Protein backbone atom coordinates (compact mmCIF):
# COMPACT_ATOMS: atom_id res chain seq x y z
CA MET A 1 -2.05 6.67 -45.92
CA LYS A 2 -0.54 8.83 -43.17
CA GLN A 3 1.53 5.93 -41.84
CA ALA A 4 2.75 5.14 -45.36
CA LYS A 5 3.97 8.73 -45.74
CA VAL A 6 5.77 8.60 -42.40
CA PHE A 7 7.37 5.26 -43.33
CA LEU A 8 8.51 6.68 -46.69
CA SER A 9 9.93 9.74 -44.95
CA HIS A 10 12.03 7.63 -42.57
CA PHE A 11 13.06 5.36 -45.45
CA LEU A 12 14.28 8.27 -47.58
CA ILE A 13 16.16 9.79 -44.65
CA ALA A 14 18.05 6.53 -44.15
CA ILE A 15 18.75 6.12 -47.88
CA GLY A 16 19.95 9.71 -48.20
CA THR A 17 22.25 9.50 -45.18
CA ILE A 18 23.88 6.23 -46.23
CA SER A 19 24.25 7.34 -49.85
CA ALA A 20 25.88 10.59 -48.75
CA CYS A 21 28.37 8.69 -46.59
CA ILE A 22 29.26 6.32 -49.44
CA GLY A 23 29.56 9.23 -51.85
CA ALA A 24 31.89 11.08 -49.50
CA PHE A 25 34.02 7.97 -49.06
CA SER A 26 34.35 7.55 -52.82
CA TRP A 27 35.20 11.23 -53.30
CA LEU A 28 37.90 11.03 -50.65
CA GLY A 29 39.73 8.31 -52.49
CA GLY A 30 37.61 5.18 -52.62
CA SER A 31 38.10 3.28 -55.88
CA GLY A 32 35.30 2.85 -58.37
CA TYR A 33 32.87 -0.02 -57.79
CA SER A 34 32.24 -2.82 -60.22
CA THR A 35 28.68 -3.33 -61.44
CA LYS A 36 28.29 -6.34 -59.16
CA ASN A 37 29.51 -4.41 -56.13
CA GLN A 38 27.23 -1.49 -56.98
CA ILE A 39 24.23 -3.84 -57.02
CA ILE A 40 25.24 -5.36 -53.68
CA VAL A 41 25.75 -1.93 -52.14
CA GLY A 42 22.40 -0.76 -53.53
CA ILE A 43 20.58 -3.75 -52.06
CA CYS A 44 22.28 -3.20 -48.71
CA ILE A 45 21.25 0.45 -48.71
CA LEU A 46 17.63 -0.46 -49.46
CA PHE A 47 17.63 -3.14 -46.76
CA ILE A 48 19.08 -0.80 -44.14
CA GLY A 49 16.57 1.88 -45.18
CA VAL A 50 13.63 -0.49 -44.72
CA VAL A 51 14.91 -1.71 -41.34
CA TYR A 52 15.49 1.85 -40.13
CA ALA A 53 12.04 2.99 -41.27
CA TRP A 54 10.38 -0.03 -39.63
CA PHE A 55 12.28 0.61 -36.40
CA GLN A 56 11.18 4.25 -36.36
CA MET A 57 7.56 3.25 -37.03
CA ARG A 58 7.26 0.94 -34.02
CA PRO A 59 4.58 2.19 -31.62
CA SER A 60 6.06 3.94 -28.61
CA LYS A 61 5.57 2.36 -25.20
CA SER A 62 5.90 5.71 -23.47
CA ILE A 63 6.01 9.38 -24.37
CA GLN A 64 6.86 12.56 -22.50
CA ILE A 65 4.92 15.77 -22.93
CA LEU A 66 6.03 19.12 -21.55
CA ILE A 67 2.83 20.54 -20.11
CA ASN A 68 4.53 23.28 -18.10
CA ASP A 69 7.72 23.90 -16.16
CA SER A 70 6.28 22.53 -12.91
CA PHE A 71 6.28 18.84 -13.74
CA PRO A 72 6.94 16.52 -16.67
CA LEU A 73 4.03 14.43 -17.92
CA GLN A 74 4.78 10.86 -18.93
CA VAL A 75 2.22 8.62 -20.65
CA GLU A 76 3.09 4.94 -20.58
CA PHE A 77 1.70 1.44 -20.88
CA GLY A 78 1.93 -0.73 -17.78
CA ASP A 79 0.31 -2.05 -14.63
CA LEU A 80 -0.68 0.67 -12.16
CA PHE A 81 -0.31 -1.73 -9.25
CA GLU A 82 3.36 -2.40 -9.99
CA LYS A 83 4.29 1.27 -9.56
CA LYS A 84 6.08 2.67 -6.52
CA GLY A 85 5.40 6.15 -5.23
CA VAL A 86 2.07 7.97 -5.12
CA VAL A 87 -0.72 6.07 -6.87
CA VAL A 88 -4.15 7.48 -7.72
CA ILE A 89 -7.10 5.08 -7.44
CA SER A 90 -10.48 6.08 -8.87
CA VAL A 91 -13.43 5.07 -6.67
CA ASN A 92 -17.13 5.85 -6.44
CA GLU A 93 -18.65 8.75 -4.51
CA TYR A 94 -19.36 6.53 -1.49
CA PHE A 95 -15.84 5.12 -1.17
CA ASP A 96 -17.41 1.66 -1.08
CA THR A 97 -15.37 -1.45 -0.30
CA ILE A 98 -17.79 -4.21 -1.38
CA VAL A 99 -16.37 -6.02 -4.41
CA ASP A 100 -19.34 -8.07 -5.60
CA ASN A 101 -19.68 -7.06 -9.29
CA LYS A 102 -22.74 -5.03 -8.30
CA ILE A 103 -21.38 -2.23 -6.16
CA ILE A 104 -17.77 -2.64 -7.30
CA ALA A 105 -16.73 -4.77 -10.27
CA THR A 106 -13.66 -6.96 -9.88
CA GLU A 107 -12.10 -5.73 -13.14
CA THR A 108 -12.23 -2.03 -12.27
CA ILE A 109 -9.28 -0.22 -10.73
CA HIS A 110 -11.37 0.23 -7.59
CA GLY A 111 -12.04 -3.51 -7.40
CA LYS A 112 -8.46 -4.54 -8.17
CA PHE A 113 -7.14 -2.17 -5.54
CA ILE A 114 -9.28 -3.77 -2.85
CA ASP A 115 -8.69 -7.37 -3.96
CA ARG A 116 -4.95 -7.03 -4.45
CA LEU A 117 -4.07 -4.96 -1.41
CA PHE A 118 -6.83 -5.41 1.15
CA LYS A 119 -8.42 -8.80 0.53
CA GLY A 120 -9.41 -10.12 3.96
CA ARG A 121 -8.59 -6.73 5.51
CA ILE A 122 -11.68 -4.70 4.59
CA PRO A 123 -12.29 -3.34 8.14
CA GLU A 124 -8.72 -2.00 8.14
CA LEU A 125 -9.28 -0.29 4.78
CA ASP A 126 -12.60 1.16 5.97
CA ASN A 127 -10.86 2.57 9.02
CA LYS A 128 -8.13 4.20 6.92
CA ILE A 129 -10.71 5.76 4.61
CA ARG A 130 -12.80 6.99 7.53
CA LYS A 131 -9.79 8.71 9.10
CA ALA A 132 -8.75 10.26 5.79
CA LEU A 133 -12.24 11.70 5.23
CA ASN A 134 -12.82 12.76 8.81
CA ASN A 135 -12.87 16.49 8.00
CA VAL A 136 -14.81 16.23 4.74
CA ILE A 137 -18.50 17.16 4.77
CA ALA A 138 -20.56 14.32 3.31
CA GLU A 139 -24.20 14.03 2.29
CA ASP A 140 -26.34 11.56 4.20
CA ALA A 141 -27.50 8.55 2.17
CA SER A 142 -29.10 6.48 4.92
CA ASN A 143 -31.79 5.22 2.51
CA ARG A 144 -29.15 3.37 0.50
CA VAL A 145 -29.76 -0.38 0.83
CA ILE A 146 -26.29 -1.78 0.08
CA GLY A 147 -22.98 -0.05 0.65
CA LYS A 148 -21.88 2.94 2.67
CA LYS A 149 -24.30 5.63 3.76
CA LYS A 150 -22.27 8.78 3.12
CA ARG A 151 -21.95 10.44 -0.29
CA TYR A 152 -18.93 12.64 -0.95
CA PRO A 153 -18.50 15.34 -3.61
CA LEU A 154 -16.79 14.17 -6.78
CA GLY A 155 -13.08 14.95 -6.63
CA THR A 156 -12.88 14.21 -2.91
CA CYS A 157 -9.50 12.63 -2.16
CA ALA A 158 -8.72 10.20 0.67
CA VAL A 159 -4.97 9.81 1.18
CA ILE A 160 -3.97 6.51 2.76
CA GLU A 161 -0.66 4.73 3.32
CA GLU A 162 -0.14 1.08 2.47
CA GLY A 163 3.25 -0.59 2.25
CA GLU A 164 5.76 1.56 0.35
CA ASN A 165 3.08 3.59 -1.41
CA THR A 166 0.77 6.47 -0.76
CA TYR A 167 -2.63 5.97 -2.39
CA ILE A 168 -4.98 8.80 -3.31
CA LEU A 169 -8.50 7.38 -3.47
CA THR A 170 -10.51 9.82 -5.56
CA ALA A 171 -14.29 9.97 -5.94
CA LEU A 172 -14.72 9.82 -9.72
CA THR A 173 -18.09 8.18 -10.41
CA LYS A 174 -21.64 8.97 -9.35
CA PHE A 175 -24.18 6.25 -8.59
CA ASP A 176 -27.87 6.35 -9.44
CA ALA A 177 -30.60 4.58 -7.44
CA ASN A 178 -29.69 1.29 -9.14
CA ASN A 179 -25.96 1.66 -8.48
CA HIS A 180 -25.18 2.41 -12.13
CA ALA A 181 -21.99 4.45 -12.33
CA SER A 182 -21.44 7.53 -14.47
CA ILE A 183 -18.98 10.42 -14.74
CA PRO A 184 -20.39 13.93 -15.29
CA LEU A 185 -18.18 15.39 -18.01
CA SER A 186 -18.82 18.87 -16.63
CA GLU A 187 -16.95 17.92 -13.44
CA TYR A 188 -14.11 15.98 -15.07
CA GLY A 189 -11.66 18.89 -15.24
CA ALA A 190 -12.31 19.92 -11.63
CA ILE A 191 -11.75 16.33 -10.46
CA ILE A 192 -8.36 16.20 -12.20
CA GLN A 193 -7.37 19.54 -10.68
CA ARG A 194 -8.15 18.29 -7.17
CA ILE A 195 -6.11 15.14 -7.82
CA ILE A 196 -3.12 17.18 -9.01
CA LEU A 197 -3.30 19.54 -6.03
CA THR A 198 -3.50 16.62 -3.59
CA ALA A 199 -0.69 14.74 -5.34
CA ALA A 200 1.58 17.79 -5.23
CA THR A 201 1.00 18.01 -1.49
CA VAL A 202 1.98 14.41 -0.69
CA ALA A 203 4.42 13.51 -3.47
CA ASN A 204 7.60 15.14 -2.10
CA SER A 205 10.38 13.49 -4.14
CA ARG A 206 8.25 10.63 -5.46
CA PRO A 207 6.60 10.13 -8.86
CA VAL A 208 2.81 10.21 -9.13
CA TYR A 209 0.97 7.54 -11.11
CA ILE A 210 -2.59 8.02 -12.32
CA PRO A 211 -4.76 5.68 -14.41
CA LEU A 212 -6.63 6.64 -17.56
CA LEU A 213 -9.63 8.19 -15.83
CA GLY A 214 -13.04 7.50 -17.32
CA SER A 215 -12.31 4.58 -19.63
CA GLY A 216 -13.75 1.85 -17.39
CA GLN A 217 -17.25 0.69 -16.60
CA GLY A 218 -19.74 3.53 -16.44
CA GLY A 219 -17.11 5.92 -17.69
CA ILE A 220 -17.04 8.43 -20.51
CA GLN A 221 -18.57 6.99 -23.66
CA LYS A 222 -15.61 7.75 -25.90
CA SER A 223 -12.62 5.80 -27.17
CA ALA A 224 -9.61 5.41 -24.88
CA GLN A 225 -7.60 7.50 -27.35
CA LYS A 226 -10.03 10.43 -27.10
CA ILE A 227 -10.29 10.14 -23.33
CA LEU A 228 -6.50 10.25 -23.03
CA SER A 229 -6.31 13.34 -25.24
CA TYR A 230 -9.04 15.04 -23.20
CA MET A 231 -7.35 14.09 -19.93
CA ILE A 232 -4.06 15.62 -21.07
CA SER A 233 -5.85 18.81 -22.13
CA GLN A 234 -7.39 19.10 -18.66
CA ILE A 235 -4.04 18.52 -16.95
CA GLU A 236 -2.62 21.39 -19.02
CA PHE A 237 -4.94 23.84 -17.26
CA CYS A 238 -4.20 22.61 -13.75
CA PRO A 239 -2.77 25.08 -11.23
CA ASP A 240 0.96 25.71 -11.32
CA VAL A 241 2.07 23.15 -8.73
CA SER A 242 5.32 21.23 -8.42
CA ILE A 243 5.70 17.48 -8.88
CA PRO A 244 9.48 17.17 -9.42
CA LYS A 245 9.48 13.44 -10.24
CA GLY A 246 6.65 13.87 -12.69
CA LEU A 247 3.09 12.77 -13.29
CA HIS A 248 2.67 9.43 -15.08
CA ILE A 249 -0.56 8.44 -16.83
CA VAL A 250 -0.56 4.64 -16.85
CA VAL A 251 -2.57 2.94 -19.60
CA TYR A 252 -3.23 -0.70 -18.78
CA ASP A 253 -1.27 -3.05 -21.05
CA SER A 254 -4.24 -5.14 -22.20
CA GLY A 255 -5.94 -2.09 -23.67
CA ASN A 256 -3.01 -0.63 -25.56
CA LYS A 257 -4.35 -1.69 -28.97
CA ASN A 258 -6.83 1.17 -28.72
CA VAL A 259 -4.25 3.83 -27.83
CA ASN A 260 -1.48 5.14 -30.08
CA LEU A 261 0.92 7.25 -28.05
CA ASP A 262 2.73 8.55 -31.13
CA ASN A 263 -0.52 10.04 -32.42
CA ILE A 264 -1.13 11.60 -29.01
CA LYS A 265 2.28 13.26 -29.01
CA SER A 266 1.97 14.42 -32.64
CA ALA A 267 -1.43 15.96 -31.92
CA TRP A 268 -0.06 17.68 -28.83
CA LEU A 269 2.97 19.10 -30.65
CA SER A 270 0.76 20.41 -33.45
CA THR A 271 -1.31 22.41 -30.95
CA VAL A 272 1.64 24.07 -29.23
CA LYS A 273 3.50 25.24 -32.34
């Protein structure tokens, strides 16, 4: 019903604009139309109105939201691993590097990051992570059977360089004794704040790309649309830092049927009026 009203609104705007132009032309000296010509013109107006309304109703592929004056926030569909600049990668609290569909699933961002960028180079990745976390106090987990033996606080960021990009590996998920991942909602906002602070430090004149946090395996048990809305609301309350080239939330293309960016922007605008 809401979409029908929006479509009708766009349709009437187009009809009104075209009709006004034709009326002005006639008033300025255009000759009267025959009945046949009036019908043809009427059909053309209706056709153009429908096309315009349909065009306006197409789902947006990206939107921009003005969170504050420090950085623009862009939400877009795409592939995180095709972006150039500073890229945030969500990982587990151990910063594991074993992609076996037990510790790390191949279809998660964590798994794709390792397989796409460091396949066959795991020791090199481990060394980069170890250096990045050298000054971070970790909890001993020596009784863990598989995987790394140090547990880091959620929100811990390991900044590593690879190729043209800077990657911020961020501890997002906790593991239980059976390696089942979960995200404590109470810590979600603090995690995002730490990511933003870290990104602002390393971004310089580069854009920052961040995935939809919490929508994957073991994530927040809500729809992608609700998670995106919640994520934006948390970003709003982040410290006043500067990211001149903007923060981009990248929603993976294959999941875009569950996310409507126009609804996200409309909801945001309604809250800031």
